[in-house]
Amino acid sequence: MPAAERIRKAIAVVNAAADGAGDEEITPTEIAEAIRDCMELPETAAVPKVRKFLAEALDATSDGMPADFVAMTLYAALGALQEGRSLN
């Protein structure tokens, strides 16, 4: 799965947690796992700004920051990924 799709998936997990949608509650552990999945991709490692934003989102999740803040940081990572691609 390409990095952009992975980041969008992580955003969807965060948004689902914020909405409280579904029968199951999404835990911070599940959010962190989705973010770590993004960080493991070589495509994200190639753009330092993306890694920075993903690390910030992971830290925010660990610190119990609101889901909106985590999602905003993931959107920044997605933007940095697209910017990094256009520079190459």
PDB file of N, CA and C in Angstrom:
ATOM      1  N   MET A   1       0.859  -1.187   0.000  1.00  0.00           N
ATOM      2  CA  MET A   1       0.000   0.000   0.000  1.00  0.00           C
ATOM      3  C   MET A   1       0.899   1.242   0.000  1.00  0.00           C
ATOM      4  N   PRO A   2       0.674   2.156  -0.945  1.00  0.00           N
ATOM      5  CA  PRO A   2       1.476   3.384  -0.995  1.00  0.00           C
ATOM      6  C   PRO A   2       1.330   4.217   0.281  1.00  0.00           C
ATOM      7  N   ALA A   3       2.332   5.026   0.528  1.00  0.00           N
ATOM      8  CA  ALA A   3       2.371   5.820   1.757  1.00  0.00           C
ATOM      9  C   ALA A   3       1.165   6.744   1.890  1.00  0.00           C
ATOM     10  N   ALA A   4       0.755   7.384   0.809  1.00  0.00           N
ATOM     11  CA  ALA A   4      -0.385   8.305   0.889  1.00  0.00           C
ATOM     12  C   ALA A   4      -1.647   7.567   1.336  1.00  0.00           C
ATOM     13  N   GLU A   5      -1.847   6.360   0.813  1.00  0.00           N
ATOM     14  CA  GLU A   5      -3.012   5.566   1.224  1.00  0.00           C
ATOM     15  C   GLU A   5      -2.915   5.178   2.694  1.00  0.00           C
ATOM     16  N   ARG A   6      -1.722   4.824   3.129  1.00  0.00           N
ATOM     17  CA  ARG A   6      -1.511   4.439   4.531  1.00  0.00           C
ATOM     18  C   ARG A   6      -1.817   5.612   5.462  1.00  0.00           C
ATOM     19  N   ILE A   7      -1.343   6.804   5.079  1.00  0.00           N
ATOM     20  CA  ILE A   7      -1.591   7.988   5.903  1.00  0.00           C
ATOM     21  C   ILE A   7      -3.088   8.296   5.930  1.00  0.00           C
ATOM     22  N   ARG A   8      -3.742   8.177   4.775  1.00  0.00           N
ATOM     23  CA  ARG A   8      -5.196   8.403   4.735  1.00  0.00           C
ATOM     24  C   ARG A   8      -5.931   7.400   5.613  1.00  0.00           C
ATOM     25  N   LYS A   9      -5.448   6.166   5.641  1.00  0.00           N
ATOM     26  CA  LYS A   9      -6.052   5.137   6.493  1.00  0.00           C
ATOM     27  C   LYS A   9      -5.892   5.520   7.970  1.00  0.00           C
ATOM     28  N   ALA A  10      -4.705   6.015   8.337  1.00  0.00           N
ATOM     29  CA  ALA A  10      -4.471   6.453   9.718  1.00  0.00           C
ATOM     30  C   ALA A  10      -5.399   7.616  10.065  1.00  0.00           C
ATOM     31  N   ILE A  11      -5.596   8.534   9.127  1.00  0.00           N
ATOM     32  CA  ILE A  11      -6.512   9.659   9.345  1.00  0.00           C
ATOM     33  C   ILE A  11      -7.929   9.137   9.564  1.00  0.00           C
ATOM     34  N   ALA A  12      -8.318   8.139   8.781  1.00  0.00           N
ATOM     35  CA  ALA A  12      -9.659   7.557   8.933  1.00  0.00           C
ATOM     36  C   ALA A  12      -9.834   6.920  10.304  1.00  0.00           C
ATOM     37  N   VAL A  13      -8.795   6.270  10.800  1.00  0.00           N
ATOM     38  CA  VAL A  13      -8.849   5.658  12.137  1.00  0.00           C
ATOM     39  C   VAL A  13      -9.020   6.744  13.197  1.00  0.00           C
ATOM     40  N   VAL A  14      -8.255   7.815  13.069  1.00  0.00           N
ATOM     41  CA  VAL A  14      -8.347   8.921  14.021  1.00  0.00           C
ATOM     42  C   VAL A  14      -9.735   9.561  13.968  1.00  0.00           C
ATOM     43  N   ASN A  15     -10.235   9.784  12.762  1.00  0.00           N
ATOM     44  CA  ASN A  15     -11.559  10.390  12.618  1.00  0.00           C
ATOM     45  C   ASN A  15     -12.652   9.492  13.186  1.00  0.00           C
ATOM     46  N   ALA A  16     -12.522   8.191  12.992  1.00  0.00           N
ATOM     47  CA  ALA A  16     -13.495   7.256  13.558  1.00  0.00           C
ATOM     48  C   ALA A  16     -13.460   7.304  15.077  1.00  0.00           C
ATOM     49  N   ALA A  17     -12.268   7.436  15.636  1.00  0.00           N
ATOM     50  CA  ALA A  17     -12.149   7.540  17.091  1.00  0.00           C
ATOM     51  C   ALA A  17     -12.794   8.827  17.588  1.00  0.00           C
ATOM     52  N   ALA A  18     -12.612   9.903  16.848  1.00  0.00           N
ATOM     53  CA  ALA A  18     -13.181  11.193  17.242  1.00  0.00           C
ATOM     54  C   ALA A  18     -14.705  11.171  17.160  1.00  0.00           C
ATOM     55  N   ASP A  19     -15.223  10.482  16.140  1.00  0.00           N
ATOM     56  CA  ASP A  19     -16.670  10.417  15.941  1.00  0.00           C
ATOM     57  C   ASP A  19     -17.347   9.438  16.886  1.00  0.00           C
ATOM     58  N   GLY A  20     -16.558   8.505  17.423  1.00  0.00           N
ATOM     59  CA  GLY A  20     -17.140   7.481  18.271  1.00  0.00           C
ATOM     60  C   GLY A  20     -18.033   6.549  17.473  1.00  0.00           C
ATOM     61  N   ALA A  21     -17.750   6.444  16.174  1.00  0.00           N
ATOM     62  CA  ALA A  21     -18.587   5.636  15.284  1.00  0.00           C
ATOM     63  C   ALA A  21     -18.355   4.148  15.512  1.00  0.00           C
ATOM     64  N   GLY A  22     -19.372   3.382  15.246  1.00  0.00           N
ATOM     65  CA  GLY A  22     -19.249   1.928  15.330  1.00  0.00           C
ATOM     66  C   GLY A  22     -19.515   1.396  16.723  1.00  0.00           C
ATOM     67  N   ASP A  23     -19.549   0.093  16.789  1.00  0.00           N
ATOM     68  CA  ASP A  23     -19.829  -0.570  18.057  1.00  0.00           C
ATOM     69  C   ASP A  23     -18.595  -0.646  18.950  1.00  0.00           C
ATOM     70  N   GLU A  24     -17.425  -0.705  18.313  1.00  0.00           N
ATOM     71  CA  GLU A  24     -16.190  -0.819  19.079  1.00  0.00           C
ATOM     72  C   GLU A  24     -15.540   0.545  19.243  1.00  0.00           C
ATOM     73  N   GLU A  25     -14.973   0.759  20.400  1.00  0.00           N
ATOM     74  CA  GLU A  25     -14.225   1.990  20.626  1.00  0.00           C
ATOM     75  C   GLU A  25     -12.807   1.794  20.097  1.00  0.00           C
ATOM     76  N   ILE A  26     -12.324   2.790  19.378  1.00  0.00           N
ATOM     77  CA  ILE A  26     -10.962   2.738  18.854  1.00  0.00           C
ATOM     78  C   ILE A  26     -10.037   3.289  19.931  1.00  0.00           C
ATOM     79  N   THR A  27      -9.014   2.520  20.245  1.00  0.00           N
ATOM     80  CA  THR A  27      -8.114   2.882  21.333  1.00  0.00           C
ATOM     81  C   THR A  27      -6.909   3.665  20.810  1.00  0.00           C
ATOM     82  N   PRO A  28      -6.250   4.399  21.694  1.00  0.00           N
ATOM     83  CA  PRO A  28      -5.013   5.082  21.297  1.00  0.00           C
ATOM     84  C   PRO A  28      -3.962   4.104  20.757  1.00  0.00           C
ATOM     85  N   THR A  29      -3.973   2.879  21.249  1.00  0.00           N
ATOM     86  CA  THR A  29      -3.029   1.872  20.766  1.00  0.00           C
ATOM     87  C   THR A  29      -3.262   1.582  19.288  1.00  0.00           C
ATOM     88  N   GLU A  30      -4.529   1.495  18.890  1.00  0.00           N
ATOM     89  CA  GLU A  30      -4.850   1.247  17.485  1.00  0.00           C
ATOM     90  C   GLU A  30      -4.447   2.435  16.608  1.00  0.00           C
ATOM     91  N   ILE A  31      -4.631   3.631  17.132  1.00  0.00           N
ATOM     92  CA  ILE A  31      -4.219   4.831  16.395  1.00  0.00           C
ATOM     93  C   ILE A  31      -2.695   4.837  16.244  1.00  0.00           C
ATOM     94  N   ALA A  32      -1.998   4.555  17.324  1.00  0.00           N
ATOM     95  CA  ALA A  32      -0.530   4.533  17.286  1.00  0.00           C
ATOM     96  C   ALA A  32      -0.035   3.473  16.309  1.00  0.00           C
ATOM     97  N   GLU A  33      -0.685   2.335  16.270  1.00  0.00           N
ATOM     98  CA  GLU A  33      -0.292   1.270  15.349  1.00  0.00           C
ATOM     99  C   GLU A  33      -0.452   1.727  13.896  1.00  0.00           C
ATOM    100  N   ALA A  34      -1.539   2.423  13.595  1.00  0.00           N
ATOM    101  CA  ALA A  34      -1.760   2.931  12.239  1.00  0.00           C
ATOM    102  C   ALA A  34      -0.676   3.943  11.860  1.00  0.00           C
ATOM    103  N   ILE A  35      -0.284   4.779  12.810  1.00  0.00           N
ATOM    104  CA  ILE A  35       0.773   5.773  12.543  1.00  0.00           C
ATOM    105  C   ILE A  35       2.119   5.080  12.363  1.00  0.00           C
ATOM    106  N   ARG A  36       2.409   4.098  13.225  1.00  0.00           N
ATOM    107  CA  ARG A  36       3.680   3.360  13.091  1.00  0.00           C
ATOM    108  C   ARG A  36       3.762   2.631  11.751  1.00  0.00           C
ATOM    109  N   ASP A  37       2.612   2.111  11.273  1.00  0.00           N
ATOM    110  CA  ASP A  37       2.594   1.470   9.957  1.00  0.00           C
ATOM    111  C   ASP A  37       3.061   2.445   8.878  1.00  0.00           C
ATOM    112  N   CYS A  38       2.655   3.696   9.003  1.00  0.00           N
ATOM    113  CA  CYS A  38       3.085   4.733   8.052  1.00  0.00           C
ATOM    114  C   CYS A  38       4.583   4.990   8.161  1.00  0.00           C
ATOM    115  N   MET A  39       5.080   4.996   9.375  1.00  0.00           N
ATOM    116  CA  MET A  39       6.488   5.319   9.605  1.00  0.00           C
ATOM    117  C   MET A  39       7.427   4.236   9.073  1.00  0.00           C
ATOM    118  N   GLU A  40       6.926   3.018   8.943  1.00  0.00           N
ATOM    119  CA  GLU A  40       7.761   1.900   8.508  1.00  0.00           C
ATOM    120  C   GLU A  40       8.006   1.873   7.001  1.00  0.00           C
ATOM    121  N   LEU A  41       7.281   2.682   6.263  1.00  0.00           N
ATOM    122  CA  LEU A  41       7.398   2.656   4.808  1.00  0.00           C
ATOM    123  C   LEU A  41       8.637   3.414   4.325  1.00  0.00           C
ATOM    124  N   PRO A  42       9.385   2.830   3.386  1.00  0.00           N
ATOM    125  CA  PRO A  42      10.557   3.520   2.835  1.00  0.00           C
ATOM    126  C   PRO A  42      10.199   4.864   2.206  1.00  0.00           C
ATOM    127  N   GLU A  43       9.007   4.939   1.637  1.00  0.00           N
ATOM    128  CA  GLU A  43       8.554   6.172   0.978  1.00  0.00           C
ATOM    129  C   GLU A  43       8.467   7.338   1.970  1.00  0.00           C
ATOM    130  N   THR A  44       8.057   7.060   3.207  1.00  0.00           N
ATOM    131  CA  THR A  44       7.980   8.130   4.202  1.00  0.00           C
ATOM    132  C   THR A  44       9.356   8.458   4.768  1.00  0.00           C
ATOM    133  N   ALA A  45      10.227   7.461   4.803  1.00  0.00           N
ATOM    134  CA  ALA A  45      11.584   7.689   5.311  1.00  0.00           C
ATOM    135  C   ALA A  45      12.372   8.603   4.389  1.00  0.00           C
ATOM    136  N   ALA A  46      11.987   8.628   3.116  1.00  0.00           N
ATOM    137  CA  ALA A  46      12.722   9.416   2.124  1.00  0.00           C
ATOM    138  C   ALA A  46      12.442  10.914   2.234  1.00  0.00           C
ATOM    139  N   VAL A  47      11.393  11.277   2.975  1.00  0.00           N
ATOM    140  CA  VAL A  47      11.032  12.699   3.108  1.00  0.00           C
ATOM    141  C   VAL A  47      11.054  13.046   4.603  1.00  0.00           C
ATOM    142  N   PRO A  48      12.131  13.688   5.073  1.00  0.00           N
ATOM    143  CA  PRO A  48      12.279  13.965   6.507  1.00  0.00           C
ATOM    144  C   PRO A  48      11.092  14.698   7.137  1.00  0.00           C
ATOM    145  N   LYS A  49      10.471  15.622   6.403  1.00  0.00           N
ATOM    146  CA  LYS A  49       9.325  16.353   6.948  1.00  0.00           C
ATOM    147  C   LYS A  49       8.165  15.412   7.268  1.00  0.00           C
ATOM    148  N   VAL A  50       7.987  14.405   6.431  1.00  0.00           N
ATOM    149  CA  VAL A  50       6.913  13.432   6.658  1.00  0.00           C
ATOM    150  C   VAL A  50       7.183  12.674   7.945  1.00  0.00           C
ATOM    151  N   ARG A  51       8.415  12.216   8.111  1.00  0.00           N
ATOM    152  CA  ARG A  51       8.794  11.483   9.336  1.00  0.00           C
ATOM    153  C   ARG A  51       8.564  12.365  10.562  1.00  0.00           C
ATOM    154  N   LYS A  52       8.898  13.641  10.442  1.00  0.00           N
ATOM    155  CA  LYS A  52       8.729  14.572  11.562  1.00  0.00           C
ATOM    156  C   LYS A  52       7.255  14.674  11.953  1.00  0.00           C
ATOM    157  N   PHE A  53       6.389  14.868  10.965  1.00  0.00           N
ATOM    158  CA  PHE A  53       4.963  14.987  11.265  1.00  0.00           C
ATOM    159  C   PHE A  53       4.383  13.686  11.813  1.00  0.00           C
ATOM    160  N   LEU A  54       4.820  12.553  11.264  1.00  0.00           N
ATOM    161  CA  LEU A  54       4.328  11.266  11.775  1.00  0.00           C
ATOM    162  C   LEU A  54       4.775  11.051  13.221  1.00  0.00           C
ATOM    163  N   ALA A  55       6.018  11.427  13.514  1.00  0.00           N
ATOM    164  CA  ALA A  55       6.513  11.299  14.890  1.00  0.00           C
ATOM    165  C   ALA A  55       5.725  12.213  15.829  1.00  0.00           C
ATOM    166  N   GLU A  56       5.402  13.417  15.361  1.00  0.00           N
ATOM    167  CA  GLU A  56       4.598  14.335  16.180  1.00  0.00           C
ATOM    168  C   GLU A  56       3.202  13.765  16.432  1.00  0.00           C
ATOM    169  N   ALA A  57       2.615  13.156  15.403  1.00  0.00           N
ATOM    170  CA  ALA A  57       1.283  12.557  15.560  1.00  0.00           C
ATOM    171  C   ALA A  57       1.330  11.400  16.546  1.00  0.00           C
ATOM    172  N   LEU A  58       2.389  10.606  16.479  1.00  0.00           N
ATOM    173  CA  LEU A  58       2.552   9.488  17.405  1.00  0.00           C
ATOM    174  C   LEU A  58       2.723   9.995  18.832  1.00  0.00           C
ATOM    175  N   ASP A  59       3.538  11.019  19.012  1.00  0.00           N
ATOM    176  CA  ASP A  59       3.729  11.622  20.341  1.00  0.00           C
ATOM    177  C   ASP A  59       2.424  12.204  20.865  1.00  0.00           C
ATOM    178  N   ALA A  60       1.676  12.874  19.996  1.00  0.00           N
ATOM    179  CA  ALA A  60       0.404  13.472  20.396  1.00  0.00           C
ATOM    180  C   ALA A  60      -0.577  12.395  20.845  1.00  0.00           C
ATOM    181  N   THR A  61      -0.578  11.279  20.141  1.00  0.00           N
ATOM    182  CA  THR A  61      -1.447  10.157  20.518  1.00  0.00           C
ATOM    183  C   THR A  61      -1.044   9.633  21.888  1.00  0.00           C
ATOM    184  N   SER A  62       0.247   9.455  22.087  1.00  0.00           N
ATOM    185  CA  SER A  62       0.751   8.957  23.377  1.00  0.00           C
ATOM    186  C   SER A  62       0.460   9.923  24.518  1.00  0.00           C
ATOM    187  N   ASP A  63       0.469  11.229  24.197  1.00  0.00           N
ATOM    188  CA  ASP A  63       0.225  12.248  25.220  1.00  0.00           C
ATOM    189  C   ASP A  63      -1.262  12.483  25.485  1.00  0.00           C
ATOM    190  N   GLY A  64      -2.124  11.790  24.716  1.00  0.00           N
ATOM    191  CA  GLY A  64      -3.560  11.935  24.927  1.00  0.00           C
ATOM    192  C   GLY A  64      -4.148  13.206  24.343  1.00  0.00           C
ATOM    193  N   MET A  65      -3.482  13.759  23.337  1.00  0.00           N
ATOM    194  CA  MET A  65      -3.994  14.965  22.690  1.00  0.00           C
ATOM    195  C   MET A  65      -5.303  14.640  21.967  1.00  0.00           C
ATOM    196  N   PRO A  66      -6.134  15.647  21.720  1.00  0.00           N
ATOM    197  CA  PRO A  66      -7.406  15.408  21.027  1.00  0.00           C
ATOM    198  C   PRO A  66      -7.196  14.825  19.622  1.00  0.00           C
ATOM    199  N   ALA A  67      -8.155  14.029  19.200  1.00  0.00           N
ATOM    200  CA  ALA A  67      -8.073  13.383  17.885  1.00  0.00           C
ATOM    201  C   ALA A  67      -7.955  14.410  16.760  1.00  0.00           C
ATOM    202  N   ASP A  68      -8.601  15.557  16.915  1.00  0.00           N
ATOM    203  CA  ASP A  68      -8.523  16.597  15.882  1.00  0.00           C
ATOM    204  C   ASP A  68      -7.082  17.055  15.669  1.00  0.00           C
ATOM    205  N   PHE A  69      -6.336  17.179  16.752  1.00  0.00           N
ATOM    206  CA  PHE A  69      -4.937  17.597  16.659  1.00  0.00           C
ATOM    207  C   PHE A  69      -4.113  16.523  15.944  1.00  0.00           C
ATOM    208  N   VAL A  70      -4.340  15.262  16.304  1.00  0.00           N
ATOM    209  CA  VAL A  70      -3.609  14.159  15.679  1.00  0.00           C
ATOM    210  C   VAL A  70      -3.931  14.113  14.179  1.00  0.00           C
ATOM    211  N   ALA A  71      -5.204  14.252  13.842  1.00  0.00           N
ATOM    212  CA  ALA A  71      -5.603  14.231  12.432  1.00  0.00           C
ATOM    213  C   ALA A  71      -4.964  15.386  11.661  1.00  0.00           C
ATOM    214  N   MET A  72      -4.939  16.563  12.261  1.00  0.00           N
ATOM    215  CA  MET A  72      -4.331  17.721  11.611  1.00  0.00           C
ATOM    216  C   MET A  72      -2.843  17.458  11.325  1.00  0.00           C
ATOM    217  N   THR A  73      -2.166  16.837  12.260  1.00  0.00           N
ATOM    218  CA  THR A  73      -0.746  16.520  12.083  1.00  0.00           C
ATOM    219  C   THR A  73      -0.560  15.483  10.975  1.00  0.00           C
ATOM    220  N   LEU A  74      -1.478  14.518  10.898  1.00  0.00           N
ATOM    221  CA  LEU A  74      -1.402  13.524   9.827  1.00  0.00           C
ATOM    222  C   LEU A  74      -1.680  14.160   8.462  1.00  0.00           C
ATOM    223  N   TYR A  75      -2.609  15.109   8.417  1.00  0.00           N
ATOM    224  CA  TYR A  75      -2.845  15.834   7.164  1.00  0.00           C
ATOM    225  C   TYR A  75      -1.588  16.603   6.753  1.00  0.00           C
ATOM    226  N   ALA A  76      -0.862  17.151   7.717  1.00  0.00           N
ATOM    227  CA  ALA A  76       0.394  17.844   7.418  1.00  0.00           C
ATOM    228  C   ALA A  76       1.417  16.864   6.846  1.00  0.00           C
ATOM    229  N   ALA A  77       1.460  15.645   7.388  1.00  0.00           N
ATOM    230  CA  ALA A  77       2.360  14.618   6.872  1.00  0.00           C
ATOM    231  C   ALA A  77       1.994  14.265   5.432  1.00  0.00           C
ATOM    232  N   LEU A  78       0.702  14.164   5.164  1.00  0.00           N
ATOM    233  CA  LEU A  78       0.243  13.861   3.812  1.00  0.00           C
ATOM    234  C   LEU A  78       0.647  14.981   2.846  1.00  0.00           C
ATOM    235  N   GLY A  79       0.482  16.223   3.266  1.00  0.00           N
ATOM    236  CA  GLY A  79       0.895  17.360   2.447  1.00  0.00           C
ATOM    237  C   GLY A  79       2.390  17.369   2.199  1.00  0.00           C
ATOM    238  N   ALA A  80       3.164  17.062   3.224  1.00  0.00           N
ATOM    239  CA  ALA A  80       4.623  17.026   3.079  1.00  0.00           C
ATOM    240  C   ALA A  80       5.046  15.901   2.139  1.00  0.00           C
ATOM    241  N   LEU A  81       4.319  14.787   2.184  1.00  0.00           N
ATOM    242  CA  LEU A  81       4.622  13.681   1.279  1.00  0.00           C
ATOM    243  C   LEU A  81       4.378  14.103  -0.162  1.00  0.00           C
ATOM    244  N   GLN A  82       3.263  14.744  -0.424  1.00  0.00           N
ATOM    245  CA  GLN A  82       2.956  15.211  -1.773  1.00  0.00           C
ATOM    246  C   GLN A  82       3.946  16.272  -2.237  1.00  0.00           C
ATOM    247  N   GLU A  83       4.343  17.137  -1.316  1.00  0.00           N
ATOM    248  CA  GLU A  83       5.340  18.163  -1.640  1.00  0.00           C
ATOM    249  C   GLU A  83       6.686  17.517  -1.960  1.00  0.00           C
ATOM    250  N   GLY A  84       7.055  16.520  -1.170  1.00  0.00           N
ATOM    251  CA  GLY A  84       8.317  15.812  -1.392  1.00  0.00           C
ATOM    252  C   GLY A  84       8.354  15.104  -2.726  1.00  0.00           C
ATOM    253  N   ARG A  85       7.218  14.567  -3.132  1.00  0.00           N
ATOM    254  CA  ARG A  85       7.146  13.891  -4.431  1.00  0.00           C
ATOM    255  C   ARG A  85       7.309  14.880  -5.574  1.00  0.00           C
ATOM    256  N   SER A  86       6.734  16.079  -5.413  1.00  0.00           N
ATOM    257  CA  SER A  86       6.812  17.061  -6.498  1.00  0.00           C
ATOM    258  C   SER A  86       8.227  17.625  -6.645  1.00  0.00           C
ATOM    259  N   LEU A  87       9.022  17.540  -5.600  1.00  0.00           N
ATOM    260  CA  LEU A  87      10.395  18.038  -5.669  1.00  0.00           C
ATOM    261  C   LEU A  87      11.336  17.042  -6.336  1.00  0.00           C
ATOM    262  N   ASN A  88      10.922  15.781  -6.366  1.00  0.00           N
ATOM    263  CA  ASN A  88      11.778  14.736  -6.957  1.00  0.00           C
ATOM    264  C   ASN A  88      11.515  14.549  -8.417  1.00  0.00           C
TER     265      ASN A  88
END
